[in-house]
Amino acid sequence: MRARVLVATGAAVLAIAAAGCGSSSAGSAPSSTGVTTGRATPAATTASAANPTAPEVNPAGDIPDNQAYVRYRVPAAGYSVKVPEGWARTARGGAVTFTDKLNAIRLEWTRGAGAPTVARVTARDLPVLARSVPGYRAGAVTSVTRSAGTAVRVTYLADSPADSVTGTSHTDAVERYVFAHGARGAVLTLSGPKGADNVDPWMTVTDSLTWTR
């Protein structure tokens, strides 16, 4: 009689164990949406693993938003323009250049050039740039409006001057503006590393041109 009781008890234990296994299998089954419950990986964990401590990166050559500007009267040119305060100034070959780190502003002037047009600048200036600018890669030639009047803007890429220490150079993005006022002309060439965001500073400079006579 005791043997039968033990057999019955053993069968009951096996039945309970089997029921437990069935419950566990059902608990891991996909829900009606097709997503397995209780096994999802948090999105934050995935993003963190991909780039946990990446700092904000600003392209080299960005001019600070709080940069101050001072007005500079170009000698014998008949115009003045605002330039970033504190930049180094050099005069050479009939041009004045302001530089700071990787950026440069070159101011030139001409006589008897006549009103600039896209067609005239394309025919007259682009061949000269292609021959004289290291690494010249043509961009666009467009007409733009500034406070001093209509100007022609030429964009292109060029090799920067070689670093005095490393001897290496980078690619500059260049904007060249051609203005005219009567028989006088002004050429502003602004350059900085490709990828730098200097849209606002370059607008400040080119929109500040004022004819002084």
Protein backbone atom coordinates (compact mmCIF):
# COMPACT_ATOMS: atom_id res chain seq x y z
CA MET A 1 0.00 0.00 0.00
CA ARG A 2 2.85 2.36 0.85
CA ALA A 3 4.52 1.67 -2.52
CA ARG A 4 1.45 2.86 -4.40
CA VAL A 5 1.40 6.10 -2.41
CA LEU A 6 5.05 6.82 -3.31
CA VAL A 7 4.43 6.13 -7.01
CA ALA A 8 1.43 8.44 -7.01
CA THR A 9 3.42 11.16 -5.28
CA GLY A 10 6.25 10.83 -7.79
CA ALA A 11 3.81 11.15 -10.69
CA ALA A 12 2.36 14.30 -9.17
CA VAL A 13 5.85 15.85 -8.88
CA LEU A 14 6.55 15.07 -12.54
CA ALA A 15 3.25 16.61 -13.58
CA ILE A 16 3.99 19.82 -11.63
CA ALA A 17 7.49 20.05 -13.15
CA ALA A 18 6.09 19.62 -16.66
CA ALA A 19 3.50 22.33 -16.02
CA GLY A 20 6.24 24.65 -14.79
CA CYS A 21 8.26 24.13 -17.98
CA GLY A 22 5.23 24.87 -20.11
CA SER A 23 4.58 28.11 -18.21
CA SER A 24 8.19 29.28 -18.72
CA SER A 25 7.97 28.63 -22.47
CA ALA A 26 4.75 30.58 -22.75
CA GLY A 27 6.24 33.51 -20.80
CA SER A 28 9.01 34.00 -23.39
CA ALA A 29 6.75 33.74 -26.42
CA PRO A 30 6.40 36.79 -28.72
CA SER A 31 3.53 39.17 -27.96
CA SER A 32 0.86 39.99 -30.50
CA THR A 33 3.09 42.81 -31.82
CA GLY A 34 5.90 40.36 -32.61
CA VAL A 35 8.24 41.68 -29.85
CA THR A 36 9.54 39.15 -27.33
CA THR A 37 8.53 40.31 -23.85
CA GLY A 38 11.12 40.85 -21.14
CA ARG A 39 14.12 40.77 -23.48
CA ALA A 40 14.36 44.26 -25.10
CA THR A 41 17.65 46.24 -24.96
CA PRO A 42 17.14 49.89 -23.89
CA ALA A 43 17.79 52.38 -26.72
CA ALA A 44 19.84 54.59 -24.40
CA THR A 45 22.22 51.72 -23.73
CA THR A 46 22.72 51.13 -27.46
CA ALA A 47 23.38 54.86 -28.19
CA SER A 48 25.74 55.10 -25.23
CA ALA A 49 27.69 52.09 -26.40
CA ALA A 50 28.01 53.57 -29.90
CA ASN A 51 29.48 56.92 -28.74
CA PRO A 52 29.57 57.22 -24.94
CA THR A 53 31.72 60.31 -24.39
CA ALA A 54 31.93 62.09 -27.76
CA PRO A 55 32.61 65.83 -27.20
CA GLU A 56 31.15 68.53 -29.43
CA VAL A 57 33.56 69.20 -32.29
CA ASN A 58 33.82 72.57 -34.07
CA PRO A 59 35.55 72.68 -37.45
CA ALA A 60 38.99 74.28 -37.46
CA GLY A 61 38.93 77.90 -38.57
CA ASP A 62 35.53 78.89 -37.17
CA ILE A 63 35.64 82.59 -36.23
CA PRO A 64 34.08 83.10 -32.75
CA ASP A 65 30.59 84.60 -32.57
CA ASN A 66 31.87 87.26 -30.16
CA GLN A 67 34.61 88.46 -32.52
CA ALA A 68 34.91 92.28 -32.51
CA TYR A 69 35.44 94.27 -35.71
CA VAL A 70 37.16 97.58 -36.43
CA ARG A 71 36.92 99.76 -39.52
CA TYR A 72 40.02 99.92 -41.68
CA ARG A 73 40.53 102.47 -44.44
CA VAL A 74 42.47 100.93 -47.29
CA PRO A 75 45.28 103.34 -48.30
CA ALA A 76 44.80 104.99 -51.72
CA ALA A 77 41.88 102.67 -52.49
CA GLY A 78 38.95 104.99 -51.81
CA TYR A 79 37.10 102.56 -49.57
CA SER A 80 37.01 101.24 -46.01
CA VAL A 81 35.85 97.94 -44.59
CA LYS A 82 35.40 96.29 -41.20
CA VAL A 83 37.99 93.65 -40.30
CA PRO A 84 38.30 91.42 -37.24
CA GLU A 85 40.03 93.20 -34.38
CA GLY A 86 43.43 91.82 -33.40
CA TRP A 87 44.26 90.10 -36.67
CA ALA A 88 47.79 90.55 -38.02
CA ARG A 89 48.13 93.00 -40.93
CA THR A 90 50.62 92.87 -43.79
CA ALA A 91 50.91 95.02 -46.92
CA ARG A 92 52.50 93.58 -50.02
CA GLY A 93 52.17 93.92 -53.77
CA GLY A 94 49.42 96.53 -53.70
CA ALA A 95 47.25 94.54 -51.30
CA VAL A 96 46.60 94.50 -47.55
CA THR A 97 46.02 91.14 -45.87
CA PHE A 98 44.68 90.40 -42.39
CA THR A 99 45.34 86.94 -40.96
CA ASP A 100 44.59 84.99 -37.82
CA LYS A 101 45.43 81.30 -37.43
CA LEU A 102 43.87 79.62 -40.49
CA ASN A 103 41.80 82.51 -41.87
CA ALA A 104 42.71 85.44 -44.11
CA ILE A 105 41.12 88.57 -45.60
CA ARG A 106 42.89 90.18 -48.57
CA LEU A 107 41.95 93.69 -49.70
CA GLU A 108 42.86 94.93 -53.18
CA TRP A 109 41.81 97.77 -55.48
CA THR A 110 41.69 98.48 -59.17
CA ARG A 111 41.16 101.47 -61.47
CA GLY A 112 39.01 101.76 -64.58
CA ALA A 113 37.59 98.26 -64.18
CA GLY A 114 33.97 99.19 -64.90
CA ALA A 115 30.91 97.63 -63.34
CA PRO A 116 31.50 93.93 -62.58
CA THR A 117 29.26 91.35 -64.21
CA VAL A 118 29.20 87.56 -63.96
CA ALA A 119 30.22 87.25 -67.62
CA ARG A 120 33.09 89.75 -67.34
CA VAL A 121 34.50 88.26 -64.14
CA THR A 122 34.20 84.73 -65.54
CA ALA A 123 36.10 85.68 -68.69
CA ARG A 124 38.68 87.98 -67.11
CA ASP A 125 39.37 86.70 -63.58
CA LEU A 126 38.88 82.94 -63.62
CA PRO A 127 41.72 82.15 -66.08
CA VAL A 128 44.08 84.24 -63.92
CA LEU A 129 42.99 82.42 -60.75
CA ALA A 130 43.38 79.02 -62.43
CA ARG A 131 46.98 79.87 -63.38
CA SER A 132 48.09 81.56 -60.19
CA VAL A 133 46.29 79.84 -57.28
CA PRO A 134 47.85 76.57 -56.02
CA GLY A 135 45.34 73.73 -56.05
CA TYR A 136 42.63 75.85 -57.69
CA ARG A 137 39.27 74.09 -58.06
CA ALA A 138 36.50 76.18 -59.59
CA GLY A 139 33.26 76.85 -57.75
CA ALA A 140 30.47 79.27 -58.70
CA VAL A 141 30.28 82.82 -60.04
CA THR A 142 27.19 84.72 -58.91
CA SER A 143 25.86 88.24 -58.47
CA VAL A 144 25.15 89.34 -54.88
CA THR A 145 23.87 92.46 -53.17
CA ARG A 146 25.69 94.22 -50.36
CA SER A 147 25.34 97.65 -48.74
CA ALA A 148 27.87 99.15 -51.18
CA GLY A 149 25.91 97.84 -54.16
CA THR A 150 26.02 94.83 -56.44
CA ALA A 151 29.11 92.64 -56.38
CA VAL A 152 30.20 89.50 -58.16
CA ARG A 153 31.15 86.64 -55.86
CA VAL A 154 33.53 83.91 -57.00
CA THR A 155 33.87 80.76 -54.88
CA TYR A 156 36.60 78.17 -55.25
CA LEU A 157 38.84 75.75 -53.36
CA ALA A 158 42.59 76.17 -53.04
CA ASP A 159 45.60 74.78 -51.23
CA SER A 160 46.48 76.81 -48.16
CA PRO A 161 50.02 78.11 -47.65
CA ALA A 162 52.26 75.42 -46.15
CA ASP A 163 52.57 75.40 -42.37
CA SER A 164 55.89 76.94 -41.34
CA VAL A 165 56.58 74.12 -38.86
CA THR A 166 55.12 70.96 -40.40
CA GLY A 167 55.28 71.95 -44.06
CA THR A 168 51.77 70.60 -44.61
CA SER A 169 48.80 72.42 -46.12
CA HIS A 170 45.03 71.99 -46.08
CA THR A 171 42.16 72.84 -48.41
CA ASP A 172 40.80 76.37 -48.14
CA ALA A 173 37.32 77.52 -49.14
CA VAL A 174 37.68 80.92 -50.78
CA GLU A 175 35.16 83.69 -51.50
CA ARG A 176 36.27 86.54 -53.78
CA TYR A 177 34.06 89.67 -54.06
CA VAL A 178 34.48 92.20 -56.87
CA PHE A 179 32.93 95.66 -56.31
CA ALA A 180 33.04 98.82 -58.42
CA HIS A 181 32.28 102.49 -57.85
CA GLY A 182 32.75 104.74 -60.84
CA ALA A 183 36.30 104.22 -62.08
CA ARG A 184 37.42 102.48 -58.90
CA GLY A 185 37.16 98.82 -58.00
CA ALA A 186 37.56 96.82 -54.81
CA VAL A 187 38.38 93.13 -54.51
CA LEU A 188 37.87 91.33 -51.18
CA THR A 189 39.17 87.76 -50.92
CA LEU A 190 38.22 85.81 -47.79
CA SER A 191 39.59 82.35 -47.09
CA GLY A 192 39.48 79.69 -44.38
CA PRO A 193 39.58 75.92 -44.01
CA LYS A 194 37.01 73.97 -45.99
CA GLY A 195 34.19 73.04 -43.60
CA ALA A 196 34.53 76.07 -41.32
CA ASP A 197 31.29 77.97 -40.72
CA ASN A 198 32.21 81.60 -41.41
CA VAL A 199 29.07 82.68 -43.24
CA ASP A 200 28.23 85.40 -40.69
CA PRO A 201 31.77 86.84 -40.33
CA TRP A 202 32.23 86.98 -44.10
CA MET A 203 28.86 88.73 -44.42
CA THR A 204 29.91 91.26 -41.76
CA VAL A 205 33.08 92.07 -43.67
CA THR A 206 31.65 92.24 -47.19
CA ASP A 207 28.52 94.13 -46.15
CA SER A 208 30.63 96.78 -44.37
CA LEU A 209 32.42 98.09 -47.47
CA THR A 210 31.97 101.86 -47.75
CA TRP A 211 33.29 104.09 -50.52
CA THR A 212 35.18 107.03 -49.02
CA ARG A 213 35.37 109.11 -52.18
